[in-house]
Amino acid sequence: PSLTRFLRLLSLDIPLFMLTQAHQQILVGTGQYARRATVAAWRWGARMILVLVLVGAGLSVVGGLLAIVGASVLELSAARWFVRPRLSGATQVHMRTMWSYALPLAVATMSLRLFDKLDLFVLKALGASAAAAGLYGAAQNLTIIPNLVALSVTTLLLSTLSRSLRAGDDAGARALVVNAMRGVLVMFPF
């Protein structure tokens, strides 16, 4: 209960973050990678400065949370500077098409998150010691490196591949896929 006001303050960041992510995906989809990076730089730069200023002014935890929300506002402003999609006016057909893609992806994502740490619980349920579970968890943390690489490359890879296929550049798309698979093999030891 003592964290309620902090969580309410931080909850303001959720719609701002999601709206900014939508803008950033539009920038990536249109090939404006430098602008997308600029938008992200605004977030992290503003967040650092706002944390230093607000926490330094004596606002403590509230200052840190306000810095997070403020950085999201500045990031959204920077994203809107580069791309201004309409925020309303979607037709029923567009919404149906969006949900036909989004709903299965949302279910898949929730399923993956649900089973993400299931193996650790099973290991402990099968009688492994706390030390063995700790070592297993530490080994799992080593997979953070390829996960971060995959997270950062996936959006760029998919948008570039889509653009290549839309432009009719089948050879370029094929080369991109081959290189992506080679990248997976390079990350395999991790």
Protein backbone atom coordinates (compact mmCIF):
# COMPACT_ATOMS: atom_id res chain seq x y z
CA PRO A 1 0.00 0.00 0.00
CA SER A 2 2.86 2.42 0.65
CA LEU A 3 3.91 2.15 -3.01
CA THR A 4 0.47 3.00 -4.42
CA ARG A 5 1.18 6.67 -5.14
CA PHE A 6 4.49 5.79 -6.79
CA LEU A 7 2.85 3.20 -9.02
CA ARG A 8 0.07 5.63 -9.96
CA LEU A 9 2.65 8.21 -10.94
CA LEU A 10 4.66 5.68 -12.93
CA SER A 11 1.51 4.39 -14.64
CA LEU A 12 1.36 7.70 -16.54
CA ASP A 13 4.40 6.45 -18.46
CA ILE A 14 2.64 3.41 -19.95
CA PRO A 15 0.49 5.17 -22.60
CA LEU A 16 3.27 7.65 -23.36
CA PHE A 17 5.78 4.85 -23.86
CA MET A 18 3.44 2.83 -26.08
CA LEU A 19 2.54 5.84 -28.21
CA THR A 20 6.22 6.63 -28.64
CA GLN A 21 6.95 3.03 -29.60
CA ALA A 22 4.29 3.23 -32.31
CA HIS A 23 5.95 6.37 -33.69
CA GLN A 24 9.37 4.73 -33.58
CA GLN A 25 8.10 1.68 -35.46
CA ILE A 26 6.74 3.99 -38.16
CA LEU A 27 10.18 5.60 -38.42
CA VAL A 28 11.81 2.17 -38.75
CA GLY A 29 9.20 1.01 -41.24
CA THR A 30 9.85 4.04 -43.43
CA GLY A 31 13.62 3.56 -43.28
CA GLN A 32 14.35 6.56 -41.05
CA TYR A 33 16.78 4.73 -38.79
CA ALA A 34 18.84 7.78 -37.83
CA ARG A 35 15.72 9.64 -36.73
CA ARG A 36 14.60 6.64 -34.71
CA ALA A 37 17.98 6.61 -32.97
CA THR A 38 17.69 10.36 -32.36
CA VAL A 39 14.31 9.85 -30.70
CA ALA A 40 15.78 7.20 -28.40
CA ALA A 41 18.72 9.48 -27.61
CA TRP A 42 16.28 12.18 -26.54
CA ARG A 43 14.72 9.77 -24.06
CA TRP A 44 17.92 8.63 -22.41
CA GLY A 45 19.57 12.05 -22.40
CA ALA A 46 16.47 13.73 -20.98
CA ARG A 47 16.01 10.98 -18.44
CA MET A 48 19.55 11.38 -17.11
CA ILE A 49 19.30 15.16 -16.90
CA LEU A 50 15.84 15.11 -15.32
CA VAL A 51 16.90 12.53 -12.72
CA LEU A 52 19.93 14.62 -11.77
CA VAL A 53 17.90 17.83 -11.57
CA LEU A 54 14.78 16.49 -9.83
CA VAL A 55 16.49 14.15 -7.38
CA GLY A 56 19.13 16.82 -6.75
CA ALA A 57 16.31 19.25 -5.95
CA GLY A 58 15.26 16.94 -3.12
CA LEU A 59 12.32 15.15 -4.74
CA SER A 60 13.86 11.73 -4.05
CA VAL A 61 11.82 8.80 -5.43
CA VAL A 62 9.06 11.06 -6.76
CA GLY A 63 11.72 13.03 -8.65
CA GLY A 64 13.08 9.87 -10.22
CA LEU A 65 9.60 8.79 -11.31
CA LEU A 66 8.79 12.27 -12.64
CA ALA A 67 12.05 12.10 -14.59
CA ILE A 68 10.95 8.84 -16.23
CA VAL A 69 7.56 10.29 -17.21
CA GLY A 70 9.13 13.57 -18.32
CA ALA A 71 11.65 11.72 -20.49
CA SER A 72 8.77 9.87 -22.14
CA VAL A 73 7.00 13.16 -22.85
CA LEU A 74 10.16 14.57 -24.45
CA GLU A 75 10.71 11.36 -26.42
CA LEU A 76 7.14 11.48 -27.74
CA SER A 77 7.61 15.14 -28.67
CA ALA A 78 10.79 14.29 -30.59
CA ALA A 79 9.04 11.38 -32.34
CA ARG A 80 6.09 13.62 -33.29
CA TRP A 81 8.59 16.11 -34.71
CA PHE A 82 9.78 13.52 -37.23
CA VAL A 83 6.56 11.66 -37.98
CA ARG A 84 2.99 12.74 -37.38
CA PRO A 85 0.60 9.84 -37.88
CA ARG A 86 -3.06 10.54 -37.27
CA LEU A 87 -4.08 9.45 -33.81
CA SER A 88 -7.71 8.95 -34.78
CA GLY A 89 -9.81 8.12 -37.80
CA ALA A 90 -9.12 4.40 -38.17
CA THR A 91 -11.87 2.63 -40.04
CA GLN A 92 -13.50 -0.59 -38.93
CA VAL A 93 -11.69 -2.43 -41.73
CA HIS A 94 -8.31 -1.13 -40.55
CA MET A 95 -9.07 -2.07 -36.95
CA ARG A 96 -10.15 -5.59 -37.98
CA THR A 97 -6.96 -6.05 -39.98
CA MET A 98 -4.82 -4.75 -37.10
CA TRP A 99 -6.47 -7.07 -34.58
CA SER A 100 -6.12 -10.04 -36.92
CA TYR A 101 -2.35 -9.52 -36.63
CA ALA A 102 -2.14 -8.18 -33.09
CA LEU A 103 -4.27 -10.70 -31.22
CA PRO A 104 -2.27 -13.83 -32.17
CA LEU A 105 0.98 -11.96 -31.52
CA ALA A 106 -0.25 -10.81 -28.10
CA VAL A 107 -1.29 -14.36 -27.17
CA ALA A 108 2.07 -15.72 -28.36
CA THR A 109 3.97 -13.09 -26.39
CA MET A 110 2.01 -13.77 -23.21
CA SER A 111 2.56 -17.50 -23.64
CA LEU A 112 6.29 -17.02 -24.08
CA ARG A 113 6.50 -14.81 -20.99
CA LEU A 114 4.45 -17.34 -19.02
CA PHE A 115 6.86 -20.15 -19.86
CA ASP A 116 10.00 -18.00 -19.72
CA LYS A 117 11.04 -19.09 -16.22
CA LEU A 118 9.06 -22.29 -16.00
CA ASP A 119 12.20 -24.39 -16.38
CA LEU A 120 13.66 -22.93 -13.18
CA PHE A 121 10.51 -23.85 -11.24
CA VAL A 122 10.54 -27.37 -12.70
CA LEU A 123 14.22 -27.75 -11.78
CA LYS A 124 13.45 -26.84 -8.18
CA ALA A 125 10.32 -29.01 -8.12
CA LEU A 126 12.38 -32.00 -9.29
CA GLY A 127 14.47 -31.69 -6.15
CA ALA A 128 17.48 -29.63 -7.20
CA SER A 129 19.24 -27.79 -4.42
CA ALA A 130 19.06 -24.04 -4.06
CA ALA A 131 22.70 -23.85 -5.15
CA ALA A 132 21.97 -25.82 -8.34
CA ALA A 133 18.98 -23.59 -9.08
CA GLY A 134 21.19 -20.55 -8.49
CA LEU A 135 23.82 -21.83 -10.91
CA TYR A 136 21.12 -22.60 -13.45
CA GLY A 137 19.72 -19.07 -13.05
CA ALA A 138 23.19 -17.61 -13.47
CA ALA A 139 23.70 -19.65 -16.64
CA GLN A 140 20.35 -18.38 -17.91
CA ASN A 141 21.50 -14.81 -17.33
CA LEU A 142 24.34 -15.41 -19.76
CA THR A 143 21.70 -15.68 -22.47
CA ILE A 144 20.87 -12.02 -21.94
CA ILE A 145 23.58 -11.10 -24.48
CA PRO A 146 21.98 -12.85 -27.47
CA ASN A 147 18.54 -11.76 -26.30
CA LEU A 148 19.61 -8.11 -26.36
CA VAL A 149 21.16 -8.56 -29.79
CA ALA A 150 18.02 -10.25 -31.08
CA LEU A 151 15.81 -7.55 -29.58
CA SER A 152 17.80 -4.76 -31.17
CA VAL A 153 18.15 -6.40 -34.59
CA THR A 154 14.69 -7.94 -35.06
CA THR A 155 12.76 -4.76 -35.83
CA LEU A 156 15.41 -3.51 -38.22
CA LEU A 157 15.67 -6.90 -39.92
CA LEU A 158 11.92 -7.31 -40.39
CA SER A 159 11.38 -3.81 -41.74
CA THR A 160 14.32 -4.07 -44.15
CA LEU A 161 13.19 -7.49 -45.32
CA SER A 162 9.62 -6.23 -45.84
CA ARG A 163 10.88 -3.25 -47.80
CA SER A 164 13.09 -5.47 -49.99
CA LEU A 165 10.21 -7.83 -50.75
CA ARG A 166 7.82 -4.97 -51.45
CA ALA A 167 10.36 -3.43 -53.86
CA GLY A 168 10.70 -6.78 -55.65
CA ASP A 169 14.34 -7.24 -54.62
CA ASP A 170 14.15 -10.99 -54.03
CA ALA A 171 17.93 -11.45 -54.28
CA GLY A 172 18.56 -8.76 -51.68
CA ALA A 173 15.90 -10.24 -49.39
CA ARG A 174 17.40 -13.72 -49.78
CA ALA A 175 20.90 -12.39 -48.96
CA LEU A 176 19.49 -10.63 -45.90
CA VAL A 177 17.86 -13.85 -44.67
CA VAL A 178 21.05 -15.85 -45.23
CA ASN A 179 23.09 -13.30 -43.28
CA ALA A 180 20.52 -13.27 -40.48
CA MET A 181 20.72 -17.07 -40.21
CA ARG A 182 24.51 -16.86 -40.12
CA GLY A 183 24.16 -14.35 -37.29
CA VAL A 184 22.03 -16.82 -35.38
CA LEU A 185 24.73 -19.44 -35.80
CA VAL A 186 27.37 -17.01 -34.50
CA MET A 187 25.24 -16.36 -31.40
CA PHE A 188 24.56 -20.08 -30.88
CA PRO A 189 27.51 -20.68 -28.47
CA PHE A 190 25.99 -18.25 -26.00
